[in-house]
Amino acid sequence: MSRAVRGAALALLVCAVVGACDAGGRARTRAVKSPSATAASCAGGAIRWGGSTREWQLVAVSPVVEVSASDGWVTYPLIPVRTFEPRVEVSDPSVSARRVYAALAERVDMDASVLAKPDAVMADRLKRGVRVDSDGAGRFVEAAAVQVLRASFTVDCPGTTTPVHGSVTAWYGTGEGSLRCGVSPGKDAWMKEAYELTCGQA
């Protein structure tokens, strides 16, 4: 077999295996992005914040406790209603939750380590209950809530026109409230929910 024929046969074999030849059998070249380079670019890409909300969310409520005028300090056991867990959801895993929380902390002027984990005081309240100085006789309820911060964001990844989208849920504070059955719980949604779960429809 001549050198020219062997060269043509080799070219055809390459085309058959790679599948990257033009109509004339000449090999086409194409740029291939390095996955590691793209991941690194997204990991350090600029974070742009979108919409955000802050709302109180009921996490625990006590049973109704009958209190007399002479009872003084009363301990209310708390029963969990729902759990709250800070989290980051993002379309590219190279964007770390730690970096997102750090950027969010800068935006809202809080410590990232605080935003990224549930309040330890609330955990203790769920374990030990809440001790309250009684305010007269009646049927009382204690409720506990977490202020939840939610925000959406976009990460600009150098080297690609496809942005990375994500959202973050963070702890922003805790609160407590005392309710008296037969008295309006007010307008706050979490207090209304606590009242309806324990005292019944307001």
C-alpha atoms as a PDB file:
ATOM      1  CA  MET A   1       0.000   0.000   0.000  1.00  0.00           C
ATOM      2  CA  SER A   2       1.388   3.397  -0.979  1.00  0.00           C
ATOM      3  CA  ARG A   3       2.090   6.153   1.576  1.00  0.00           C
ATOM      4  CA  ALA A   4      -0.752   8.311   0.163  1.00  0.00           C
ATOM      5  CA  VAL A   5      -3.270   5.462   0.397  1.00  0.00           C
ATOM      6  CA  ARG A   6      -2.193   4.642   3.972  1.00  0.00           C
ATOM      7  CA  GLY A   7      -2.595   8.335   4.905  1.00  0.00           C
ATOM      8  CA  ALA A   8      -6.109   8.465   3.451  1.00  0.00           C
ATOM      9  CA  ALA A   9      -7.102   5.261   5.231  1.00  0.00           C
ATOM     10  CA  LEU A  10      -5.830   6.632   8.560  1.00  0.00           C
ATOM     11  CA  ALA A  11      -7.786   9.867   8.047  1.00  0.00           C
ATOM     12  CA  LEU A  12     -10.973   7.884   7.350  1.00  0.00           C
ATOM     13  CA  LEU A  13     -10.421   5.811  10.496  1.00  0.00           C
ATOM     14  CA  VAL A  14     -10.025   8.953  12.609  1.00  0.00           C
ATOM     15  CA  CYS A  15     -13.174  10.442  11.099  1.00  0.00           C
ATOM     16  CA  ALA A  16     -15.118   7.254  11.788  1.00  0.00           C
ATOM     17  CA  VAL A  17     -14.056   7.135  15.442  1.00  0.00           C
ATOM     18  CA  VAL A  18     -14.177  10.837  16.317  1.00  0.00           C
ATOM     19  CA  GLY A  19     -17.005  11.817  13.964  1.00  0.00           C
ATOM     20  CA  ALA A  20     -15.508  15.261  13.309  1.00  0.00           C
ATOM     21  CA  CYS A  21     -14.896  15.534   9.565  1.00  0.00           C
ATOM     22  CA  ASP A  22     -16.370  17.745   6.871  1.00  0.00           C
ATOM     23  CA  ALA A  23     -17.940  16.528   3.624  1.00  0.00           C
ATOM     24  CA  GLY A  24     -14.510  16.257   2.008  1.00  0.00           C
ATOM     25  CA  GLY A  25     -13.188  13.981   4.759  1.00  0.00           C
ATOM     26  CA  ARG A  26     -11.022  16.697   6.294  1.00  0.00           C
ATOM     27  CA  ALA A  27     -10.891  16.764  10.081  1.00  0.00           C
ATOM     28  CA  ARG A  28     -12.681  19.675  11.776  1.00  0.00           C
ATOM     29  CA  THR A  29     -11.248  21.317  14.855  1.00  0.00           C
ATOM     30  CA  ARG A  30     -13.423  22.633  17.708  1.00  0.00           C
ATOM     31  CA  ALA A  31     -12.628  24.289  21.018  1.00  0.00           C
ATOM     32  CA  VAL A  32     -13.577  22.304  24.117  1.00  0.00           C
ATOM     33  CA  LYS A  33     -14.066  24.155  27.392  1.00  0.00           C
ATOM     34  CA  SER A  34     -12.332  22.723  30.390  1.00  0.00           C
ATOM     35  CA  PRO A  35     -14.945  21.673  32.996  1.00  0.00           C
ATOM     36  CA  SER A  36     -12.532  22.505  35.793  1.00  0.00           C
ATOM     37  CA  ALA A  37     -11.993  26.012  34.389  1.00  0.00           C
ATOM     38  CA  THR A  38     -15.756  26.627  34.174  1.00  0.00           C
ATOM     39  CA  ALA A  39     -16.274  25.364  37.710  1.00  0.00           C
ATOM     40  CA  ALA A  40     -13.520  27.608  39.015  1.00  0.00           C
ATOM     41  CA  SER A  41     -15.025  30.598  37.200  1.00  0.00           C
ATOM     42  CA  CYS A  42     -18.471  29.996  38.730  1.00  0.00           C
ATOM     43  CA  ALA A  43     -16.988  29.471  42.180  1.00  0.00           C
ATOM     44  CA  GLY A  44     -15.520  32.972  42.092  1.00  0.00           C
ATOM     45  CA  GLY A  45     -18.185  34.670  39.966  1.00  0.00           C
ATOM     46  CA  ALA A  46     -19.854  37.879  41.091  1.00  0.00           C
ATOM     47  CA  ILE A  47     -23.074  37.374  43.069  1.00  0.00           C
ATOM     48  CA  ARG A  48     -25.973  39.639  42.111  1.00  0.00           C
ATOM     49  CA  TRP A  49     -28.936  39.738  44.488  1.00  0.00           C
ATOM     50  CA  GLY A  50     -32.544  39.659  43.381  1.00  0.00           C
ATOM     51  CA  GLY A  51     -35.677  39.853  45.504  1.00  0.00           C
ATOM     52  CA  SER A  52     -35.732  39.129  49.224  1.00  0.00           C
ATOM     53  CA  THR A  53     -38.357  38.637  51.936  1.00  0.00           C
ATOM     54  CA  ARG A  54     -38.371  38.517  55.730  1.00  0.00           C
ATOM     55  CA  GLU A  55     -41.218  36.852  57.579  1.00  0.00           C
ATOM     56  CA  TRP A  56     -41.997  35.341  60.955  1.00  0.00           C
ATOM     57  CA  GLN A  57     -42.676  31.612  60.896  1.00  0.00           C
ATOM     58  CA  LEU A  58     -44.258  29.719  63.797  1.00  0.00           C
ATOM     59  CA  VAL A  59     -41.984  26.884  64.946  1.00  0.00           C
ATOM     60  CA  ALA A  60     -43.465  25.826  68.314  1.00  0.00           C
ATOM     61  CA  VAL A  61     -46.491  26.329  70.524  1.00  0.00           C
ATOM     62  CA  SER A  62     -47.501  25.218  74.009  1.00  0.00           C
ATOM     63  CA  PRO A  63     -50.693  23.455  75.018  1.00  0.00           C
ATOM     64  CA  VAL A  64     -53.349  25.627  76.655  1.00  0.00           C
ATOM     65  CA  VAL A  65     -52.463  26.101  80.327  1.00  0.00           C
ATOM     66  CA  GLU A  66     -55.087  27.008  82.952  1.00  0.00           C
ATOM     67  CA  VAL A  67     -53.556  29.696  85.143  1.00  0.00           C
ATOM     68  CA  SER A  68     -54.936  31.091  88.390  1.00  0.00           C
ATOM     69  CA  ALA A  69     -54.222  34.574  89.715  1.00  0.00           C
ATOM     70  CA  SER A  70     -51.884  33.186  92.391  1.00  0.00           C
ATOM     71  CA  ASP A  71     -49.771  30.893  90.191  1.00  0.00           C
ATOM     72  CA  GLY A  72     -46.865  33.320  89.658  1.00  0.00           C
ATOM     73  CA  TRP A  73     -44.202  31.909  87.334  1.00  0.00           C
ATOM     74  CA  VAL A  74     -45.499  29.186  85.011  1.00  0.00           C
ATOM     75  CA  THR A  75     -43.433  26.934  82.720  1.00  0.00           C
ATOM     76  CA  TYR A  76     -44.984  26.254  79.304  1.00  0.00           C
ATOM     77  CA  PRO A  77     -43.698  23.181  77.445  1.00  0.00           C
ATOM     78  CA  LEU A  78     -43.214  23.874  73.737  1.00  0.00           C
ATOM     79  CA  ILE A  79     -44.327  21.445  71.034  1.00  0.00           C
ATOM     80  CA  PRO A  80     -42.648  21.817  67.610  1.00  0.00           C
ATOM     81  CA  VAL A  81     -44.965  22.858  64.789  1.00  0.00           C
ATOM     82  CA  ARG A  82     -42.379  22.881  62.009  1.00  0.00           C
ATOM     83  CA  THR A  83     -38.616  22.768  61.677  1.00  0.00           C
ATOM     84  CA  PHE A  84     -36.465  25.494  60.220  1.00  0.00           C
ATOM     85  CA  GLU A  85     -33.145  24.801  58.532  1.00  0.00           C
ATOM     86  CA  PRO A  86     -31.021  27.433  56.743  1.00  0.00           C
ATOM     87  CA  ARG A  87     -30.049  26.256  53.256  1.00  0.00           C
ATOM     88  CA  VAL A  88     -28.664  27.305  49.879  1.00  0.00           C
ATOM     89  CA  GLU A  89     -30.049  25.942  46.614  1.00  0.00           C
ATOM     90  CA  VAL A  90     -28.004  26.707  43.490  1.00  0.00           C
ATOM     91  CA  SER A  91     -27.874  25.328  39.939  1.00  0.00           C
ATOM     92  CA  ASP A  92     -24.066  24.954  39.965  1.00  0.00           C
ATOM     93  CA  PRO A  93     -22.480  23.007  42.859  1.00  0.00           C
ATOM     94  CA  SER A  94     -19.193  24.890  42.467  1.00  0.00           C
ATOM     95  CA  VAL A  95     -20.861  27.908  44.121  1.00  0.00           C
ATOM     96  CA  SER A  96     -20.396  27.130  47.807  1.00  0.00           C
ATOM     97  CA  ALA A  97     -23.020  27.788  50.476  1.00  0.00           C
ATOM     98  CA  ARG A  98     -20.298  29.339  52.619  1.00  0.00           C
ATOM     99  CA  ARG A  99     -19.606  31.982  49.959  1.00  0.00           C
ATOM    100  CA  VAL A 100     -23.310  32.716  49.496  1.00  0.00           C
ATOM    101  CA  TYR A 101     -23.817  33.237  53.238  1.00  0.00           C
ATOM    102  CA  ALA A 102     -20.734  35.454  53.391  1.00  0.00           C
ATOM    103  CA  ALA A 103     -22.146  37.644  50.589  1.00  0.00           C
ATOM    104  CA  LEU A 104     -25.575  37.726  52.241  1.00  0.00           C
ATOM    105  CA  ALA A 105     -24.037  38.684  55.597  1.00  0.00           C
ATOM    106  CA  GLU A 106     -22.328  41.637  53.942  1.00  0.00           C
ATOM    107  CA  ARG A 107     -25.602  42.668  52.329  1.00  0.00           C
ATOM    108  CA  VAL A 108     -27.684  42.591  55.542  1.00  0.00           C
ATOM    109  CA  ASP A 109     -24.859  43.527  57.962  1.00  0.00           C
ATOM    110  CA  MET A 110     -24.942  40.331  60.031  1.00  0.00           C
ATOM    111  CA  ASP A 111     -22.502  37.565  60.898  1.00  0.00           C
ATOM    112  CA  ALA A 112     -22.483  34.770  58.284  1.00  0.00           C
ATOM    113  CA  SER A 113     -22.188  32.074  60.957  1.00  0.00           C
ATOM    114  CA  VAL A 114     -25.383  33.397  62.575  1.00  0.00           C
ATOM    115  CA  LEU A 115     -27.351  33.490  59.328  1.00  0.00           C
ATOM    116  CA  ALA A 116     -26.304  29.951  58.424  1.00  0.00           C
ATOM    117  CA  LYS A 117     -27.515  28.094  61.516  1.00  0.00           C
ATOM    118  CA  PRO A 118     -30.657  27.978  63.676  1.00  0.00           C
ATOM    119  CA  ASP A 119     -30.641  29.936  66.919  1.00  0.00           C
ATOM    120  CA  ALA A 120     -29.217  27.945  69.853  1.00  0.00           C
ATOM    121  CA  VAL A 121     -31.496  29.796  72.287  1.00  0.00           C
ATOM    122  CA  MET A 122     -34.561  28.559  70.408  1.00  0.00           C
ATOM    123  CA  ALA A 123     -33.258  24.994  70.585  1.00  0.00           C
ATOM    124  CA  ASP A 124     -32.907  25.371  74.352  1.00  0.00           C
ATOM    125  CA  ARG A 125     -36.450  26.737  74.647  1.00  0.00           C
ATOM    126  CA  LEU A 126     -37.802  23.744  72.751  1.00  0.00           C
ATOM    127  CA  LYS A 127     -35.959  21.474  75.159  1.00  0.00           C
ATOM    128  CA  ARG A 128     -36.752  23.205  78.455  1.00  0.00           C
ATOM    129  CA  GLY A 129     -39.957  25.134  77.733  1.00  0.00           C
ATOM    130  CA  VAL A 130     -40.646  28.811  78.458  1.00  0.00           C
ATOM    131  CA  ARG A 131     -41.042  30.223  81.961  1.00  0.00           C
ATOM    132  CA  VAL A 132     -43.426  33.167  82.164  1.00  0.00           C
ATOM    133  CA  ASP A 133     -44.728  35.310  85.018  1.00  0.00           C
ATOM    134  CA  SER A 134     -48.506  34.838  84.856  1.00  0.00           C
ATOM    135  CA  ASP A 135     -50.652  37.873  84.134  1.00  0.00           C
ATOM    136  CA  GLY A 136     -53.888  37.109  85.907  1.00  0.00           C
ATOM    137  CA  ALA A 137     -56.162  34.110  85.627  1.00  0.00           C
ATOM    138  CA  GLY A 138     -57.213  32.500  82.371  1.00  0.00           C
ATOM    139  CA  ARG A 139     -56.277  30.043  79.644  1.00  0.00           C
ATOM    140  CA  PHE A 140     -52.871  30.954  78.234  1.00  0.00           C
ATOM    141  CA  VAL A 141     -50.610  29.775  75.406  1.00  0.00           C
ATOM    142  CA  GLU A 142     -46.961  30.500  74.585  1.00  0.00           C
ATOM    143  CA  ALA A 143     -45.763  30.579  70.972  1.00  0.00           C
ATOM    144  CA  ALA A 144     -42.251  30.733  69.495  1.00  0.00           C
ATOM    145  CA  ALA A 145     -41.285  31.894  66.013  1.00  0.00           C
ATOM    146  CA  VAL A 146     -38.258  32.351  63.790  1.00  0.00           C
ATOM    147  CA  GLN A 147     -37.775  35.319  61.486  1.00  0.00           C
ATOM    148  CA  VAL A 148     -36.785  33.803  58.152  1.00  0.00           C
ATOM    149  CA  LEU A 149     -34.825  35.679  55.487  1.00  0.00           C
ATOM    150  CA  ARG A 150     -35.163  34.426  51.910  1.00  0.00           C
ATOM    151  CA  ALA A 151     -33.315  35.856  48.910  1.00  0.00           C
ATOM    152  CA  SER A 152     -32.678  34.931  45.282  1.00  0.00           C
ATOM    153  CA  PHE A 153     -29.377  35.519  43.504  1.00  0.00           C
ATOM    154  CA  THR A 154     -27.512  35.133  40.216  1.00  0.00           C
ATOM    155  CA  VAL A 155     -23.843  34.281  39.796  1.00  0.00           C
ATOM    156  CA  ASP A 156     -22.026  35.609  36.729  1.00  0.00           C
ATOM    157  CA  CYS A 157     -19.567  32.954  35.553  1.00  0.00           C
ATOM    158  CA  PRO A 158     -16.694  34.308  33.420  1.00  0.00           C
ATOM    159  CA  GLY A 159     -16.273  32.426  30.159  1.00  0.00           C
ATOM    160  CA  THR A 160     -19.928  31.462  29.779  1.00  0.00           C
ATOM    161  CA  THR A 161     -23.105  33.332  28.855  1.00  0.00           C
ATOM    162  CA  THR A 162     -25.259  31.046  31.010  1.00  0.00           C
ATOM    163  CA  PRO A 163     -25.761  32.551  34.482  1.00  0.00           C
ATOM    164  CA  VAL A 164     -26.106  30.428  37.601  1.00  0.00           C
ATOM    165  CA  HIS A 165     -29.285  30.963  39.617  1.00  0.00           C
ATOM    166  CA  GLY A 166     -29.920  30.196  43.258  1.00  0.00           C
ATOM    167  CA  SER A 167     -31.798  30.994  46.446  1.00  0.00           C
ATOM    168  CA  VAL A 168     -30.864  31.153  50.112  1.00  0.00           C
ATOM    169  CA  THR A 169     -32.893  30.685  53.281  1.00  0.00           C
ATOM    170  CA  ALA A 170     -31.364  32.138  56.444  1.00  0.00           C
ATOM    171  CA  TRP A 171     -32.108  32.649  60.141  1.00  0.00           C
ATOM    172  CA  TYR A 172     -32.712  36.312  61.007  1.00  0.00           C
ATOM    173  CA  GLY A 173     -34.052  36.297  64.575  1.00  0.00           C
ATOM    174  CA  THR A 174     -36.397  34.651  67.074  1.00  0.00           C
ATOM    175  CA  GLY A 175     -39.491  35.789  68.893  1.00  0.00           C
ATOM    176  CA  GLU A 176     -42.011  34.705  71.491  1.00  0.00           C
ATOM    177  CA  GLY A 177     -45.574  35.646  72.220  1.00  0.00           C
ATOM    178  CA  SER A 178     -48.147  35.054  74.959  1.00  0.00           C
ATOM    179  CA  LEU A 179     -51.730  34.398  73.958  1.00  0.00           C
ATOM    180  CA  ARG A 180     -54.866  34.360  76.046  1.00  0.00           C
ATOM    181  CA  CYS A 181     -57.723  32.274  74.739  1.00  0.00           C
ATOM    182  CA  GLY A 182     -60.789  34.432  74.174  1.00  0.00           C
ATOM    183  CA  VAL A 183     -58.683  37.511  73.376  1.00  0.00           C
ATOM    184  CA  SER A 184     -57.797  38.417  69.774  1.00  0.00           C
ATOM    185  CA  PRO A 185     -54.246  37.326  68.835  1.00  0.00           C
ATOM    186  CA  GLY A 186     -53.759  40.419  66.662  1.00  0.00           C
ATOM    187  CA  LYS A 187     -52.780  40.651  63.017  1.00  0.00           C
ATOM    188  CA  ASP A 188     -49.472  38.727  62.932  1.00  0.00           C
ATOM    189  CA  ALA A 189     -49.896  35.549  60.876  1.00  0.00           C
ATOM    190  CA  TRP A 190     -47.757  33.390  63.189  1.00  0.00           C
ATOM    191  CA  MET A 191     -49.702  34.486  66.283  1.00  0.00           C
ATOM    192  CA  LYS A 192     -52.989  33.792  64.528  1.00  0.00           C
ATOM    193  CA  GLU A 193     -51.737  30.336  63.562  1.00  0.00           C
ATOM    194  CA  ALA A 194     -50.695  29.606  67.163  1.00  0.00           C
ATOM    195  CA  TYR A 195     -54.093  30.742  68.455  1.00  0.00           C
ATOM    196  CA  GLU A 196     -56.021  28.587  65.993  1.00  0.00           C
ATOM    197  CA  LEU A 197     -53.899  25.526  66.778  1.00  0.00           C
ATOM    198  CA  THR A 198     -54.520  25.814  70.512  1.00  0.00           C
ATOM    199  CA  CYS A 199     -57.462  28.016  71.443  1.00  0.00           C
ATOM    200  CA  GLY A 200     -59.456  27.407  68.273  1.00  0.00           C
ATOM    201  CA  GLN A 201     -60.795  29.835  65.676  1.00  0.00           C
ATOM    202  CA  ALA A 202     -60.406  33.450  66.824  1.00  0.00           C
END
